[in-house]
Amino acid sequence: MAGDEEANITASRSIQITSISFLINMQREELEEKLRGNEYIDEFEVEDLDDKDIRKDVFIIFKNPVDSKYVNDILREILQ
């Protein structure tokens, strides 16, 4: 079954995203709660960028490659 997924990715002409980094204004506790255990996320790292615990630099590694067309929708779903 894993071979089928790899063949589909290879045959696809779309851009596949395996990880992403972004900035967000959100409390650490709330952010980590949304990221932890999410079906799309394998690992994540959160770095504080200010002293007020608001601005964060977030790095996410997806469990499976995600078509670039859907990254925005997936992030919106995760972080709402």
N, C-alpha and C. Protein backbone atom coordinates (compact mmCIF):
# COMPACT_ATOMS: atom_id res chain seq x y z
N MET A 1 0.82 -1.18 0.00
CA MET A 1 0.00 0.00 0.00
C MET A 1 0.88 1.26 0.00
N ALA A 2 1.99 1.24 0.73
CA ALA A 2 2.88 2.40 0.75
C ALA A 2 3.45 2.65 -0.63
N GLY A 3 3.71 1.59 -1.40
CA GLY A 3 4.21 1.74 -2.76
C GLY A 3 3.22 2.45 -3.65
N ASP A 4 1.92 2.19 -3.45
CA ASP A 4 0.87 2.86 -4.23
C ASP A 4 0.88 4.36 -3.96
N GLU A 5 1.03 4.73 -2.69
CA GLU A 5 1.07 6.16 -2.33
C GLU A 5 2.28 6.84 -2.96
N GLU A 6 3.43 6.20 -2.91
CA GLU A 6 4.64 6.77 -3.50
C GLU A 6 4.48 6.91 -5.01
N ALA A 7 3.86 5.92 -5.65
CA ALA A 7 3.63 5.98 -7.09
C ALA A 7 2.70 7.13 -7.43
N ASN A 8 1.68 7.34 -6.62
CA ASN A 8 0.74 8.45 -6.86
C ASN A 8 1.45 9.79 -6.72
N ILE A 9 2.31 9.91 -5.74
CA ILE A 9 3.04 11.16 -5.53
C ILE A 9 3.98 11.42 -6.70
N THR A 10 4.67 10.38 -7.15
CA THR A 10 5.61 10.51 -8.26
C THR A 10 4.89 10.87 -9.55
N ALA A 11 3.72 10.27 -9.79
CA ALA A 11 2.98 10.50 -11.02
C ALA A 11 2.28 11.86 -11.02
N SER A 12 2.03 12.40 -9.87
CA SER A 12 1.32 13.67 -9.76
C SER A 12 2.20 14.83 -10.23
N ARG A 13 1.58 15.80 -10.86
CA ARG A 13 2.31 16.98 -11.30
C ARG A 13 2.16 18.13 -10.30
N SER A 14 1.49 17.87 -9.21
CA SER A 14 1.29 18.92 -8.22
C SER A 14 2.52 19.01 -7.30
N ILE A 15 2.59 20.09 -6.58
CA ILE A 15 3.67 20.28 -5.60
C ILE A 15 3.19 19.70 -4.28
N GLN A 16 4.00 18.83 -3.70
CA GLN A 16 3.66 18.19 -2.44
C GLN A 16 4.48 18.82 -1.31
N ILE A 17 3.80 19.23 -0.26
CA ILE A 17 4.43 19.88 0.89
C ILE A 17 4.60 18.86 2.01
N THR A 18 5.81 18.74 2.54
CA THR A 18 6.07 17.81 3.64
C THR A 18 6.21 18.52 4.98
N SER A 19 6.58 19.81 4.93
CA SER A 19 6.71 20.60 6.15
C SER A 19 6.47 22.06 5.81
N ILE A 20 6.16 22.83 6.84
CA ILE A 20 5.88 24.24 6.62
C ILE A 20 6.24 25.02 7.89
N SER A 21 6.66 26.25 7.69
CA SER A 21 6.98 27.14 8.80
C SER A 21 6.18 28.42 8.61
N PHE A 22 5.61 28.94 9.71
CA PHE A 22 4.81 30.16 9.62
C PHE A 22 4.83 30.91 10.95
N LEU A 23 4.44 32.17 10.90
CA LEU A 23 4.31 33.00 12.09
C LEU A 23 2.84 33.13 12.44
N ILE A 24 2.55 33.14 13.74
CA ILE A 24 1.17 33.27 14.18
C ILE A 24 1.13 33.99 15.52
N ASN A 25 0.06 34.72 15.75
CA ASN A 25 -0.18 35.37 17.04
C ASN A 25 -1.20 34.54 17.79
N MET A 26 -0.72 33.74 18.75
CA MET A 26 -1.60 32.87 19.52
C MET A 26 -0.87 32.46 20.80
N GLN A 27 -1.60 32.29 21.86
CA GLN A 27 -1.02 31.83 23.12
C GLN A 27 -0.46 30.42 22.93
N ARG A 28 0.69 30.14 23.53
CA ARG A 28 1.36 28.85 23.36
C ARG A 28 0.45 27.68 23.74
N GLU A 29 -0.20 27.77 24.87
CA GLU A 29 -1.04 26.67 25.35
C GLU A 29 -2.15 26.35 24.34
N GLU A 30 -2.81 27.37 23.84
CA GLU A 30 -3.89 27.19 22.87
C GLU A 30 -3.34 26.60 21.56
N LEU A 31 -2.20 27.12 21.10
CA LEU A 31 -1.59 26.66 19.86
C LEU A 31 -1.18 25.19 19.97
N GLU A 32 -0.48 24.83 21.03
CA GLU A 32 -0.03 23.45 21.19
C GLU A 32 -1.21 22.49 21.32
N GLU A 33 -2.28 22.92 21.96
CA GLU A 33 -3.48 22.10 22.07
C GLU A 33 -4.06 21.79 20.69
N LYS A 34 -4.07 22.78 19.81
CA LYS A 34 -4.61 22.59 18.45
C LYS A 34 -3.70 21.69 17.60
N LEU A 35 -2.39 21.79 17.81
CA LEU A 35 -1.44 21.02 17.01
C LEU A 35 -1.27 19.58 17.50
N ARG A 36 -1.33 19.40 18.80
CA ARG A 36 -1.10 18.09 19.41
C ARG A 36 -2.19 17.10 19.00
N GLY A 37 -1.78 15.97 18.50
CA GLY A 37 -2.74 14.92 18.17
C GLY A 37 -3.54 15.15 16.90
N ASN A 38 -3.20 16.18 16.12
CA ASN A 38 -3.92 16.44 14.89
C ASN A 38 -3.60 15.36 13.87
N GLU A 39 -4.60 14.95 13.10
CA GLU A 39 -4.44 13.85 12.15
C GLU A 39 -3.44 14.15 11.02
N TYR A 40 -3.18 15.41 10.71
CA TYR A 40 -2.27 15.78 9.63
C TYR A 40 -0.82 15.94 10.08
N ILE A 41 -0.60 16.16 11.38
CA ILE A 41 0.71 16.57 11.89
C ILE A 41 1.47 15.41 12.51
N ASP A 42 2.71 15.23 12.06
CA ASP A 42 3.58 14.22 12.64
C ASP A 42 4.35 14.83 13.82
N GLU A 43 5.01 15.97 13.57
CA GLU A 43 5.78 16.67 14.60
C GLU A 43 5.60 18.17 14.43
N PHE A 44 5.84 18.90 15.52
CA PHE A 44 5.82 20.36 15.43
C PHE A 44 6.77 20.95 16.45
N GLU A 45 7.18 22.18 16.17
CA GLU A 45 8.05 22.93 17.07
C GLU A 45 7.53 24.37 17.13
N VAL A 46 7.45 24.92 18.32
CA VAL A 46 6.95 26.28 18.52
C VAL A 46 8.04 27.10 19.21
N GLU A 47 8.36 28.26 18.63
CA GLU A 47 9.36 29.15 19.21
C GLU A 47 8.71 30.49 19.55
N ASP A 48 8.89 30.95 20.78
CA ASP A 48 8.38 32.26 21.19
C ASP A 48 9.22 33.34 20.56
N LEU A 49 8.55 34.37 20.02
CA LEU A 49 9.27 35.48 19.39
C LEU A 49 9.13 36.79 20.16
N ASP A 50 8.36 36.78 21.24
CA ASP A 50 8.25 37.99 22.06
C ASP A 50 8.09 37.60 23.53
N ASP A 51 8.15 38.60 24.38
CA ASP A 51 8.05 38.36 25.83
C ASP A 51 6.62 38.22 26.32
N LYS A 52 5.64 38.49 25.48
CA LYS A 52 4.24 38.49 25.90
C LYS A 52 3.53 37.17 25.62
N ASP A 53 4.27 36.16 25.11
CA ASP A 53 3.69 34.85 24.79
C ASP A 53 2.59 34.94 23.74
N ILE A 54 2.79 35.81 22.77
CA ILE A 54 1.79 35.96 21.70
C ILE A 54 2.36 35.51 20.36
N ARG A 55 3.40 36.14 19.89
CA ARG A 55 3.93 35.87 18.55
C ARG A 55 4.79 34.60 18.57
N LYS A 56 4.47 33.66 17.64
CA LYS A 56 5.17 32.38 17.59
C LYS A 56 5.67 32.09 16.17
N ASP A 57 6.81 31.41 16.11
CA ASP A 57 7.31 30.84 14.87
C ASP A 57 7.02 29.35 14.99
N VAL A 58 6.24 28.82 14.06
CA VAL A 58 5.80 27.42 14.14
C VAL A 58 6.35 26.64 12.95
N PHE A 59 6.90 25.47 13.23
CA PHE A 59 7.39 24.56 12.20
C PHE A 59 6.62 23.26 12.34
N ILE A 60 5.97 22.82 11.25
CA ILE A 60 5.16 21.61 11.25
C ILE A 60 5.71 20.62 10.22
N ILE A 61 5.79 19.36 10.61
CA ILE A 61 6.08 18.28 9.68
C ILE A 61 4.80 17.47 9.53
N PHE A 62 4.32 17.34 8.30
CA PHE A 62 3.10 16.59 8.04
C PHE A 62 3.36 15.09 8.05
N LYS A 63 2.35 14.30 8.43
CA LYS A 63 2.47 12.84 8.42
C LYS A 63 2.63 12.32 7.00
N ASN A 64 1.91 12.93 6.07
CA ASN A 64 1.96 12.55 4.66
C ASN A 64 2.10 13.82 3.84
N PRO A 65 2.72 13.75 2.67
CA PRO A 65 2.80 14.94 1.82
C PRO A 65 1.41 15.49 1.52
N VAL A 66 1.31 16.82 1.51
CA VAL A 66 0.04 17.50 1.27
C VAL A 66 0.15 18.29 -0.02
N ASP A 67 -0.83 18.17 -0.88
CA ASP A 67 -0.86 18.94 -2.12
C ASP A 67 -0.87 20.42 -1.76
N SER A 68 -0.04 21.20 -2.42
CA SER A 68 0.08 22.63 -2.10
C SER A 68 -1.25 23.37 -2.21
N LYS A 69 -2.17 22.86 -3.03
CA LYS A 69 -3.48 23.50 -3.18
C LYS A 69 -4.27 23.47 -1.88
N TYR A 70 -3.98 22.50 -1.01
CA TYR A 70 -4.80 22.29 0.19
C TYR A 70 -4.13 22.72 1.49
N VAL A 71 -2.90 23.18 1.44
CA VAL A 71 -2.18 23.56 2.66
C VAL A 71 -2.92 24.66 3.42
N ASN A 72 -3.37 25.69 2.73
CA ASN A 72 -4.07 26.79 3.39
C ASN A 72 -5.34 26.29 4.09
N ASP A 73 -6.10 25.45 3.41
CA ASP A 73 -7.33 24.91 4.00
C ASP A 73 -7.03 24.05 5.23
N ILE A 74 -5.99 23.24 5.15
CA ILE A 74 -5.63 22.38 6.28
C ILE A 74 -5.18 23.22 7.47
N LEU A 75 -4.35 24.24 7.24
CA LEU A 75 -3.92 25.11 8.34
C LEU A 75 -5.09 25.85 8.96
N ARG A 76 -6.00 26.31 8.12
CA ARG A 76 -7.19 27.00 8.63
C ARG A 76 -8.01 26.05 9.50
N GLU A 77 -8.17 24.80 9.06
CA GLU A 77 -8.92 23.81 9.82
C GLU A 77 -8.24 23.52 11.17
N ILE A 78 -6.94 23.37 11.16
CA ILE A 78 -6.20 23.06 12.37
C ILE A 78 -6.25 24.21 13.37
N LEU A 79 -6.10 25.44 12.89
CA LEU A 79 -5.90 26.58 13.78
C LEU A 79 -7.16 27.38 14.11
N GLN A 80 -8.29 26.97 13.63
CA GLN A 80 -9.54 27.69 13.97
C GLN A 80 -9.95 27.45 15.38
